[in-house]
């Protein structure tokens, strides 16, 4: 059976492009994305950048504007060297979770790659950013760019007033604690970055207007002044202990930090919170964007708007993106989030439109409903990686991907295959894979559990070990030293097991 394609006018021919071609291709993509797929993205802002600018965006965590820090320059030099020597390539695009949503495309791309990138980023990622519940709860797309401009200017002013070394000391420590500087469980409202900016600028304006150099000549306060409560149950309650957000606790209660240092920590904490949903939805986000670009590019071809050459170029790039090496392949580095995400989206499409009896048994809530985009859009909005896998990974896909579960026990000399993709192993394989994406199990559970504000002011952190796995000793001691630097007094880290038995203890004193 042959398929007859309509003889529509091609949007472009060859690899070259100009801005008129880009506009024409974007409008065709938008028509399919919004008109046919019913996507609901933010307004788009497409920006063209060079490979040098792409490397610069890499170094600043992909953001269009960022404060200065020595680590960004180090990252730029490393990435540029690898790229120039041909050891690594560059991403085709970078997309910013903002409103409007900013998508960077490289000027070196062919027009087919520009079409793929705009479909992937400007509509796939964009829709996910706007509609997923984690991004709604924890990020402020309206205020992020203004806040980053404020942060850059604030850090620059601090460097002028207090010195680059003093600013970098605080930022080095705060960056080391970024993963422990987020609110994971919704105890506090989503930060309004516009309000954060107004608050910080008002504080700075008040300080500048009320500053008098005579205050510097006053004698220091007596050491016998009444200390804040601590080391008691009532004191811990007033301090909000235990506290999972280490940067928040240090910012609020450190006895030694100056106001400008607290503001630097607050900036790092707000940026860490902005990126936190992306860590929990990497597979879903990339799966959504890859599925969207696959649907759009195929639809452009079906409508006669791109030719066979363009389609072959697209399919070659797409195949590279979703390639998954086998576990015994030298190139294997874990499960490719693009591959797993795309396969799950395609599998849901199959289950919704052509379910088997097995699908109806395992996924009765979606099997045979016929509404592909409605089902996918609901999943993209309501789940994160671990819950999405636990809800939607089908036996059919487990067999296709040859998934199995390995047991690695420290008291046994060999690995053991505990479950494979058969009827007895489906639930165990799905549960094990979902747990790998669970941030509660993947990220170390470290909390502020005690502080002696009445005595030596020692800060106590507790690491509740998962599966009796301790932290890397070298990394733990290095980061604990940063904690002590910010706190201004001694800090201690205790590792406890499931029975609350202390398994290890590290101590650190301020280095500066």
Protein backbone atom coordinates (compact mmCIF):
# COMPACT_ATOMS: atom_id res chain seq x y z
CA UNK A 1 0.00 0.00 0.00
CA UNK A 2 1.49 3.33 -1.03
CA UNK A 3 0.91 6.58 0.81
CA UNK A 4 0.29 9.64 -1.35
CA UNK A 5 1.58 12.86 0.20
CA UNK A 6 -0.01 16.15 -0.73
CA UNK A 7 2.07 18.26 -3.08
CA UNK A 8 2.24 21.25 -0.78
CA UNK A 9 4.74 24.05 -1.11
CA UNK A 10 7.98 23.22 0.69
CA UNK A 11 8.87 25.56 3.51
CA UNK A 12 12.51 25.41 2.47
CA UNK A 13 14.96 23.52 0.30
CA UNK A 14 18.55 22.69 1.18
CA UNK A 15 20.28 23.49 4.46
CA UNK A 16 20.66 27.27 4.21
CA UNK A 17 18.23 29.68 5.84
CA UNK A 18 17.52 33.31 6.54
CA UNK A 19 15.19 35.06 8.97
CA UNK A 20 12.26 34.91 6.59
CA UNK A 21 12.72 31.12 6.36
CA UNK A 22 12.90 30.84 10.15
CA UNK A 23 9.70 32.84 10.52
CA UNK A 24 7.90 30.72 7.94
CA UNK A 25 9.00 27.47 9.59
CA UNK A 26 8.11 28.72 13.07
CA UNK A 27 4.60 29.68 11.98
CA UNK A 28 4.04 26.24 10.43
CA UNK A 29 5.26 24.53 13.60
CA UNK A 30 3.08 26.77 15.78
CA UNK A 31 0.03 25.94 13.69
CA UNK A 32 0.52 22.22 14.32
CA UNK A 33 1.57 22.54 17.98
CA UNK A 34 -1.31 24.73 19.08
CA UNK A 35 -3.93 24.03 16.43
CA UNK A 36 -3.59 20.25 16.19
CA UNK A 37 -1.75 19.06 19.31
CA UNK A 38 -3.57 21.58 21.53
CA UNK A 39 -0.39 22.54 23.41
CA UNK A 40 -0.55 25.47 25.83
CA UNK A 41 2.87 27.12 25.91
CA UNK A 42 4.05 30.50 27.14
CA UNK A 43 4.67 33.13 24.47
CA UNK A 44 7.93 32.34 22.65
CA UNK A 45 11.10 34.34 22.23
CA UNK A 46 13.58 32.74 19.81
CA UNK A 47 17.18 34.00 20.03
CA UNK A 48 19.98 33.14 17.62
CA UNK A 49 23.42 32.62 19.16
CA UNK A 50 26.89 31.49 18.06
CA UNK A 51 28.80 28.46 19.34
CA UNK A 52 30.86 30.82 21.52
CA UNK A 53 27.68 32.19 23.08
CA UNK A 54 26.36 28.65 23.55
CA UNK A 55 29.53 27.78 25.49
CA UNK A 56 29.03 30.93 27.55
CA UNK A 57 25.43 29.87 28.29
CA UNK A 58 26.74 26.44 29.35
CA UNK A 59 29.04 28.06 31.89
CA UNK A 60 26.23 30.08 33.50
CA UNK A 61 23.84 27.13 33.96
CA UNK A 62 22.07 27.95 30.71
CA UNK A 63 20.71 31.30 31.90
CA UNK A 64 20.78 34.41 29.67
CA UNK A 65 22.18 36.60 32.46
CA UNK A 66 23.99 35.54 35.63
CA UNK A 67 26.31 36.94 38.28
CA UNK A 68 30.06 36.47 37.96
CA UNK A 69 31.87 33.62 39.67
CA UNK A 70 35.24 32.02 39.01
CA UNK A 71 33.70 28.53 38.54
CA UNK A 72 31.78 29.75 35.47
CA UNK A 73 34.99 30.83 33.77
CA UNK A 74 36.60 27.52 34.64
CA UNK A 75 33.68 25.63 33.14
CA UNK A 76 33.79 27.78 30.00
CA UNK A 77 37.52 27.11 29.49
CA UNK A 78 37.05 23.36 29.93
CA UNK A 79 34.03 23.11 27.59
CA UNK A 80 35.64 25.31 24.95
CA UNK A 81 38.82 23.21 24.93
CA UNK A 82 36.86 19.96 24.54
CA UNK A 83 34.68 21.47 21.81
CA UNK A 84 37.60 22.93 19.82
CA UNK A 85 39.49 19.64 19.94
CA UNK A 86 36.41 17.75 18.73
CA UNK A 87 36.01 15.65 21.90
CA UNK A 88 32.48 16.86 22.52
CA UNK A 89 29.67 18.61 20.70
CA UNK A 90 27.26 21.31 21.74
CA UNK A 91 23.57 21.14 22.43
CA UNK A 92 21.39 22.20 19.54
CA UNK A 93 19.44 24.48 21.86
CA UNK A 94 18.95 25.83 25.36
CA UNK A 95 15.52 26.74 26.66
CA UNK A 96 14.70 28.97 29.65
CA UNK A 97 11.69 28.47 31.91
CA UNK A 98 10.52 32.07 31.75
CA UNK A 99 7.57 34.04 30.45
CA UNK A 100 8.08 34.63 27.58
CA UNK A 101 9.90 31.33 27.16
CA UNK A 102 13.37 31.96 25.67
CA UNK A 103 14.78 29.36 23.26
CA UNK A 104 18.36 29.72 22.03
CA UNK A 105 19.17 28.25 18.62
CA UNK A 106 22.67 28.06 17.17
CA UNK A 107 23.45 29.88 13.95
CA UNK A 108 25.52 26.88 12.79
CA UNK A 109 22.41 24.65 12.64
CA UNK A 110 20.85 23.74 9.31
CA UNK A 111 17.26 24.84 8.73
CA UNK A 112 16.02 21.31 9.43
CA UNK A 113 17.79 21.36 12.78
CA UNK A 114 16.34 24.79 13.50
CA UNK A 115 12.86 23.36 12.84
CA UNK A 116 13.54 20.41 15.14
CA UNK A 117 14.90 22.70 17.86
CA UNK A 118 11.93 25.07 17.74
CA UNK A 119 9.48 22.17 17.87
CA UNK A 120 11.42 20.53 20.73
CA UNK A 121 12.17 23.57 22.89
CA UNK A 122 9.75 26.35 21.97
CA UNK A 123 6.70 24.07 22.16
CA UNK A 124 7.62 20.78 23.89
CA UNK A 125 9.65 22.09 26.83
CA UNK A 126 7.65 25.31 26.89
CA UNK A 127 4.34 23.48 27.33
CA UNK A 128 5.83 21.29 30.07
CA UNK A 129 7.24 24.29 31.96
CA UNK A 130 3.93 26.09 31.92
CA UNK A 131 1.68 23.18 32.89
CA UNK A 132 3.56 20.76 35.17
CA UNK A 133 2.48 21.13 38.80
CA UNK A 134 6.05 21.27 40.18
CA UNK A 135 6.94 24.27 38.04
CA UNK A 136 3.66 25.93 38.97
CA UNK A 137 4.33 25.35 42.65
CA UNK A 138 8.02 26.19 42.87
CA UNK A 139 9.08 28.50 40.04
CA UNK A 140 8.26 32.06 39.08
CA UNK A 141 8.54 32.22 35.29
CA UNK A 142 7.31 35.81 35.31
CA UNK A 143 10.07 37.11 37.56
CA UNK A 144 13.17 34.99 36.94
CA UNK A 145 14.89 37.21 34.33
CA UNK A 146 14.42 40.45 36.30
CA UNK A 147 15.62 38.67 39.42
CA UNK A 148 18.77 37.41 37.66
CA UNK A 149 19.51 40.97 36.50
CA UNK A 150 19.12 42.13 40.09
CA UNK A 151 21.34 39.29 41.35
CA UNK A 152 24.08 40.12 38.87
CA UNK A 153 24.04 43.79 39.82
CA UNK A 154 23.92 43.00 43.56
CA UNK A 155 26.91 40.65 43.40
CA UNK A 156 28.87 43.24 41.40
CA UNK A 157 28.10 45.93 44.01
CA UNK A 158 29.19 43.60 46.80
CA UNK A 159 32.47 42.92 45.00
CA UNK A 160 33.12 46.67 44.68
CA UNK A 161 32.30 47.37 48.34
CA UNK A 162 33.65 44.27 50.12
CA UNK A 163 36.15 42.78 47.68
CA UNK A 164 36.00 39.90 45.21
CA UNK A 165 37.61 37.48 47.66
CA UNK A 166 35.01 38.08 50.36
CA UNK A 167 32.13 37.64 47.91
CA UNK A 168 33.58 34.48 46.39
CA UNK A 169 34.07 32.99 49.87
CA UNK A 170 30.33 33.22 50.49
CA UNK A 171 29.31 32.10 46.99
CA UNK A 172 31.72 29.12 47.07
CA UNK A 173 30.13 27.87 50.27
CA UNK A 174 26.56 28.58 49.13
CA UNK A 175 27.12 26.80 45.79
CA UNK A 176 28.42 23.73 47.62
CA UNK A 177 25.13 23.61 49.55
CA UNK A 178 22.72 24.32 46.66
CA UNK A 179 21.28 20.80 46.70
CA UNK A 180 20.52 21.26 50.42
CA UNK A 181 19.15 24.77 49.87
CA UNK A 182 15.68 23.92 48.60
CA UNK A 183 12.25 23.37 50.13
CA UNK A 184 11.14 19.91 49.07
CA UNK A 185 7.78 19.49 50.72
CA UNK A 186 5.85 22.73 50.25
CA UNK A 187 6.16 24.10 53.77
CA UNK A 188 6.70 27.61 52.45
CA UNK A 189 4.94 29.42 49.65
CA UNK A 190 6.52 29.67 46.22
CA UNK A 191 8.93 32.61 46.20
CA UNK A 192 7.81 35.66 44.24
CA UNK A 193 11.06 36.77 42.64
CA UNK A 194 9.67 40.22 41.90
CA UNK A 195 8.86 40.61 45.61
CA UNK A 196 12.31 39.24 46.53
CA UNK A 197 13.90 41.87 44.32
CA UNK A 198 11.82 44.71 45.79
CA UNK A 199 12.56 43.58 49.35
CA UNK A 200 16.32 43.40 48.77
CA UNK A 201 16.47 46.77 47.02
CA UNK A 202 14.41 48.42 49.78
CA UNK A 203 16.75 46.99 52.42
CA UNK A 204 19.81 48.26 50.55
CA UNK A 205 18.28 51.71 50.05
CA UNK A 206 17.46 51.95 53.77
CA UNK A 207 20.96 50.89 54.76
CA UNK A 208 22.57 53.38 52.41
CA UNK A 209 20.34 56.26 53.56
CA UNK A 210 20.83 55.56 57.28
CA UNK A 211 24.56 54.74 57.22
CA UNK A 212 26.76 56.82 59.51
CA UNK A 213 30.47 56.08 59.87
CA UNK A 214 30.34 57.09 63.56
CA UNK A 215 28.63 53.75 64.35
CA UNK A 216 31.96 52.09 63.54
CA UNK A 217 33.54 53.73 66.60
CA UNK A 218 31.09 52.22 69.12
CA UNK A 219 32.52 49.57 71.49
CA UNK A 220 31.49 45.97 70.79
CA UNK A 221 28.53 44.50 72.65
CA UNK A 222 29.23 42.61 75.85
CA UNK A 223 29.82 38.89 75.47
CA UNK A 224 27.45 38.21 78.34
CA UNK A 225 24.40 39.39 76.36
CA UNK A 226 21.46 37.00 76.53
CA UNK A 227 21.78 34.37 73.81
CA UNK A 228 18.97 33.06 71.63
CA UNK A 229 17.21 29.87 72.73
CA UNK A 230 18.67 26.52 71.75
CA UNK A 231 19.58 23.06 73.03
CA UNK A 232 16.06 22.68 74.45
CA UNK A 233 12.89 21.31 72.95
CA UNK A 234 11.23 24.75 73.15
CA UNK A 235 14.26 26.33 71.47
CA UNK A 236 14.25 23.77 68.70
CA UNK A 237 10.57 24.42 68.04
CA UNK A 238 11.15 28.17 67.84
CA UNK A 239 14.02 27.59 65.42
CA UNK A 240 11.87 25.25 63.31
CA UNK A 241 14.06 22.20 63.82
CA UNK A 242 14.55 19.82 62.20
CA UNK A 243 15.14 21.94 59.08
CA UNK A 244 15.84 20.38 55.66
CA UNK A 245 16.85 23.64 53.97
CA UNK A 246 20.38 24.22 55.24
CA UNK A 247 20.89 27.50 53.36
CA UNK A 248 17.62 28.88 54.73
CA UNK A 249 18.57 28.03 58.32
CA UNK A 250 22.06 29.50 57.97
CA UNK A 251 20.72 32.65 56.32
CA UNK A 252 18.19 33.21 59.11
CA UNK A 253 20.15 32.20 62.20
CA UNK A 254 23.91 32.38 61.57
CA UNK A 255 25.40 34.48 64.37
CA UNK A 256 28.26 35.79 62.21
CA UNK A 257 26.85 36.61 58.77
CA UNK A 258 26.52 40.24 57.71
CA UNK A 259 23.39 41.49 55.92
CA UNK A 260 25.02 41.50 52.48
CA UNK A 261 26.27 37.92 53.04
CA UNK A 262 22.77 36.79 53.99
CA UNK A 263 21.44 38.34 50.79
CA UNK A 264 24.02 36.45 48.71
CA UNK A 265 22.91 33.19 50.33
CA UNK A 266 19.28 34.13 49.67
CA UNK A 267 20.09 34.69 45.98
CA UNK A 268 21.73 31.27 45.67
CA UNK A 269 18.83 29.69 47.54
CA UNK A 270 16.21 31.23 45.24
CA UNK A 271 18.11 30.08 42.14
CA UNK A 272 18.48 26.56 43.57
CA UNK A 273 14.72 26.45 44.17
CA UNK A 274 14.09 27.59 40.59
CA UNK A 275 16.08 24.62 39.23
CA UNK A 276 14.75 22.02 41.68
CA UNK A 277 11.69 20.94 39.60
CA UNK A 278 13.93 20.35 36.59
CA UNK A 279 15.90 17.74 38.54
CA UNK A 280 12.68 15.85 39.35
CA UNK A 281 11.26 15.92 35.83
CA UNK A 282 14.31 15.45 33.56
CA UNK A 283 13.03 12.26 31.93
CA UNK A 284 9.43 13.46 31.56
CA UNK A 285 10.45 16.90 30.31
CA UNK A 286 12.80 15.52 27.66
CA UNK A 287 10.31 12.79 26.78
CA UNK A 288 7.57 15.37 26.29
CA UNK A 289 9.77 17.62 24.12
CA UNK A 290 11.09 14.69 22.06
CA UNK A 291 7.59 13.32 21.49
CA UNK A 292 6.35 16.78 20.47
CA UNK A 293 9.15 17.37 17.98
CA UNK A 294 8.64 13.87 16.55
CA UNK A 295 4.93 14.48 16.01
CA UNK A 296 5.44 17.95 14.54
CA UNK A 297 8.24 17.00 12.13
CA UNK A 298 6.29 13.99 10.88
CA UNK A 299 3.22 16.17 10.44
CA UNK A 300 5.19 18.72 8.41
CA UNK A 301 6.31 15.89 6.15
CA UNK A 302 2.77 14.48 5.85
CA UNK A 303 1.51 17.92 4.85
CA UNK A 304 4.15 18.20 2.13
CA UNK A 305 5.93 21.11 3.83
CA UNK A 306 9.34 19.43 4.17
CA UNK A 307 10.98 17.09 1.70
CA UNK A 308 12.55 13.62 1.91
CA UNK A 309 16.05 15.01 2.44
CA UNK A 310 14.93 17.10 5.39
CA UNK A 311 13.05 14.13 6.84
CA UNK A 312 16.11 11.89 6.59
CA UNK A 313 18.25 14.53 8.31
CA UNK A 314 15.67 14.84 11.08
CA UNK A 315 15.37 11.07 11.57
CA UNK A 316 19.15 10.69 11.77
CA UNK A 317 19.37 13.33 14.51
CA UNK A 318 16.32 11.97 16.31
CA UNK A 319 17.76 8.43 16.30
CA UNK A 320 20.98 9.72 17.88
CA UNK A 321 19.03 11.54 20.59
CA UNK A 322 16.96 8.49 21.62
CA UNK A 323 19.72 5.89 21.21
CA UNK A 324 20.00 3.59 24.24
CA UNK A 325 23.15 1.44 24.50
CA UNK A 326 22.71 -2.01 26.05
CA UNK A 327 23.97 -2.53 29.60
CA UNK A 328 27.04 -4.45 28.33
CA UNK A 329 27.88 -1.84 25.66
CA UNK A 330 31.08 0.16 26.41
CA UNK A 331 29.05 3.32 25.74
CA UNK A 332 26.48 2.51 28.43
CA UNK A 333 26.21 5.23 31.05
CA UNK A 334 22.78 4.53 32.47
CA UNK A 335 19.30 4.93 31.05
CA UNK A 336 19.06 7.72 28.47
CA UNK A 337 16.27 10.05 29.70
CA UNK A 338 15.41 10.97 26.11
CA UNK A 339 15.06 7.30 25.16
CA UNK A 340 12.96 6.26 28.16
CA UNK A 341 10.81 9.39 28.05
CA UNK A 342 10.11 9.17 24.33
CA UNK A 343 9.37 5.44 24.47
CA UNK A 344 6.94 5.93 27.34
CA UNK A 345 5.09 8.70 25.47
CA UNK A 346 4.84 6.54 22.35
CA UNK A 347 3.75 3.55 24.43
CA UNK A 348 0.97 5.60 26.04
CA UNK A 349 -0.15 6.62 22.54
CA UNK A 350 -0.32 2.92 21.59
CA UNK A 351 -2.21 1.95 24.75
CA UNK A 352 -4.74 4.75 24.29
CA UNK A 353 -5.44 3.89 20.65
CA UNK A 354 -4.70 0.15 20.24
CA UNK A 355 -4.65 -1.53 23.68
CA UNK A 356 -4.10 -5.23 24.25
CA UNK A 357 -5.76 -7.29 26.94
CA UNK A 358 -2.57 -6.96 28.96
CA UNK A 359 -2.71 -3.16 28.66
CA UNK A 360 -6.32 -3.12 29.84
CA UNK A 361 -5.32 -5.15 32.88
CA UNK A 362 -2.29 -3.04 33.83
CA UNK A 363 -3.46 0.43 32.74
CA UNK A 364 -7.27 0.38 32.75
CA UNK A 365 -7.51 4.13 33.38
CA UNK A 366 -6.10 5.03 29.93
CA UNK A 367 -6.39 1.88 27.78
CA UNK A 368 -8.63 2.45 24.78
CA UNK A 369 -9.77 5.97 25.65
CA UNK A 370 -8.75 7.24 22.22
CA UNK A 371 -7.66 10.67 23.52
CA UNK A 372 -3.88 10.62 23.02
CA UNK A 373 -3.06 14.26 23.66
CA UNK A 374 -5.57 14.58 26.50
CA UNK A 375 -3.99 11.61 28.26
CA UNK A 376 -0.43 12.82 27.68
CA UNK A 377 -1.19 16.39 28.72
CA UNK A 378 -2.75 15.18 31.94
CA UNK A 379 0.32 13.03 32.68
CA UNK A 380 2.70 15.89 31.86
CA UNK A 381 0.78 18.15 34.24
CA UNK A 382 0.29 15.84 37.23
CA UNK A 383 3.41 13.67 37.60
CA UNK A 384 7.15 13.80 38.12
CA UNK A 385 9.63 11.17 36.90
CA UNK A 386 9.27 8.58 39.66
CA UNK A 387 5.47 8.74 39.91
CA UNK A 388 5.11 8.78 36.12
CA UNK A 389 7.13 5.56 35.79
CA UNK A 390 5.23 3.93 38.65
CA UNK A 391 1.91 4.82 37.00
CA UNK A 392 2.54 4.35 33.27
CA UNK A 393 5.43 1.94 32.59
CA UNK A 394 3.78 -1.01 30.83
CA UNK A 395 4.84 -4.67 30.65
CA UNK A 396 5.09 -4.29 26.87
CA UNK A 397 7.66 -1.52 27.18
CA UNK A 398 9.61 -3.39 29.86
CA UNK A 399 9.96 -6.28 27.42
CA UNK A 400 10.90 -3.98 24.55
CA UNK A 401 13.63 -2.27 26.60
CA UNK A 402 14.79 -5.59 28.17
CA UNK A 403 14.62 -4.13 31.67
CA UNK A 404 15.71 -6.21 34.66
CA UNK A 405 16.57 -5.61 38.32
CA UNK A 406 19.99 -6.22 39.80
CA UNK A 407 20.69 -6.68 43.50
CA UNK A 408 24.03 -5.39 44.78
CA UNK A 409 24.50 -6.50 48.37
CA UNK A 410 27.75 -5.62 50.18
CA UNK A 411 27.87 -9.03 51.93
CA UNK A 412 27.73 -10.99 48.65
CA UNK A 413 30.60 -11.29 46.13
CA UNK A 414 28.41 -11.16 42.98
CA UNK A 415 25.47 -9.27 41.57
CA UNK A 416 22.17 -11.10 41.55
CA UNK A 417 19.39 -10.72 38.98
CA UNK A 418 16.33 -10.38 41.21
CA UNK A 419 13.64 -9.73 38.58
CA UNK A 420 13.30 -9.71 34.80
CA UNK A 421 10.64 -8.51 32.36
CA UNK A 422 8.21 -11.38 32.84
CA UNK A 423 4.89 -11.74 34.60
CA UNK A 424 6.51 -12.39 37.99
CA UNK A 425 8.90 -9.45 37.65
CA UNK A 426 6.89 -6.61 36.10
CA UNK A 427 5.87 -4.97 39.36
CA UNK A 428 9.33 -5.33 40.92
CA UNK A 429 11.11 -3.94 37.85
CA UNK A 430 8.73 -0.99 37.59
CA UNK A 431 9.01 -0.25 41.31
CA UNK A 432 12.81 -0.47 41.26
CA UNK A 433 13.10 1.85 38.24
CA UNK A 434 10.72 4.38 39.79
CA UNK A 435 12.77 4.41 43.00
CA UNK A 436 15.87 5.39 41.02
CA UNK A 437 14.12 8.64 40.10
CA UNK A 438 12.65 9.31 43.56
CA UNK A 439 14.40 12.44 44.94
CA UNK A 440 13.61 11.31 48.47
CA UNK A 441 15.80 8.28 47.92
CA UNK A 442 18.28 9.70 45.41
CA UNK A 443 19.27 12.88 47.29
CA UNK A 444 20.88 12.59 50.75
CA UNK A 445 18.50 13.40 53.59
CA UNK A 446 20.49 15.94 55.62
CA UNK A 447 18.79 18.19 58.17
CA UNK A 448 19.72 20.70 60.85
CA UNK A 449 18.71 18.86 64.01
CA UNK A 450 20.33 20.82 66.83
CA UNK A 451 22.22 24.01 67.63
CA UNK A 452 23.82 25.14 70.89
CA UNK A 453 23.13 28.87 70.85
CA UNK A 454 23.56 29.12 74.61
CA UNK A 455 27.08 27.68 74.69
CA UNK A 456 29.63 27.03 71.96
CA UNK A 457 27.04 27.61 69.18
CA UNK A 458 27.90 24.36 67.47
CA UNK A 459 25.57 23.46 64.59
CA UNK A 460 24.56 19.79 64.33
CA UNK A 461 23.49 18.20 61.04
CA UNK A 462 22.06 14.70 60.75
CA UNK A 463 22.28 12.49 57.67
CA UNK A 464 19.63 9.78 57.68
CA UNK A 465 21.23 7.07 55.61
CA UNK A 466 19.29 5.29 52.86
CA UNK A 467 20.07 1.55 52.67
CA UNK A 468 22.90 2.11 55.18
CA UNK A 469 24.90 4.03 52.58
CA UNK A 470 27.14 6.72 54.14
CA UNK A 471 28.22 9.88 52.36
CA UNK A 472 31.61 10.02 50.67
CA UNK A 473 33.98 10.94 53.50
CA UNK A 474 36.05 13.38 51.44
CA UNK A 475 33.02 15.17 50.00
CA UNK A 476 31.19 15.26 53.34
CA UNK A 477 34.14 16.80 55.15
CA UNK A 478 34.73 19.36 52.38
CA UNK A 479 31.10 20.51 52.35
CA UNK A 480 30.90 20.49 56.15
CA UNK A 481 33.83 22.91 56.19
CA UNK A 482 31.76 25.27 54.03
CA UNK A 483 28.87 24.91 56.48
CA UNK A 484 31.16 25.92 59.34
CA UNK A 485 32.45 28.90 57.35
CA UNK A 486 28.93 30.23 56.77
CA UNK A 487 27.71 29.43 60.28
CA UNK A 488 30.76 31.06 61.83
CA UNK A 489 31.22 28.39 64.50
CA UNK A 490 31.87 24.65 64.72
CA UNK A 491 29.65 22.28 62.74
CA UNK A 492 29.12 18.56 63.15
CA UNK A 493 27.62 15.98 60.78
CA UNK A 494 26.22 12.74 62.16
CA UNK A 495 25.21 9.77 60.03
CA UNK A 496 22.42 7.68 61.55
CA UNK A 497 20.85 4.45 60.36
CA UNK A 498 17.21 3.34 60.34
CA UNK A 499 17.43 2.52 64.08
CA UNK A 500 18.77 6.01 64.91
CA UNK A 501 22.19 4.59 65.72
CA UNK A 502 25.05 6.99 64.97
CA UNK A 503 27.27 5.33 62.37
CA UNK A 504 29.78 8.11 61.72
CA UNK A 505 30.59 11.64 62.88
CA UNK A 506 32.54 14.45 61.19
CA UNK A 507 33.49 17.81 62.72
CA UNK A 508 34.58 21.07 61.13
CA UNK A 509 35.67 24.48 62.34
CA UNK A 510 35.47 27.77 60.40
CA UNK A 511 38.42 28.24 58.08
CA UNK A 512 38.14 32.01 57.92
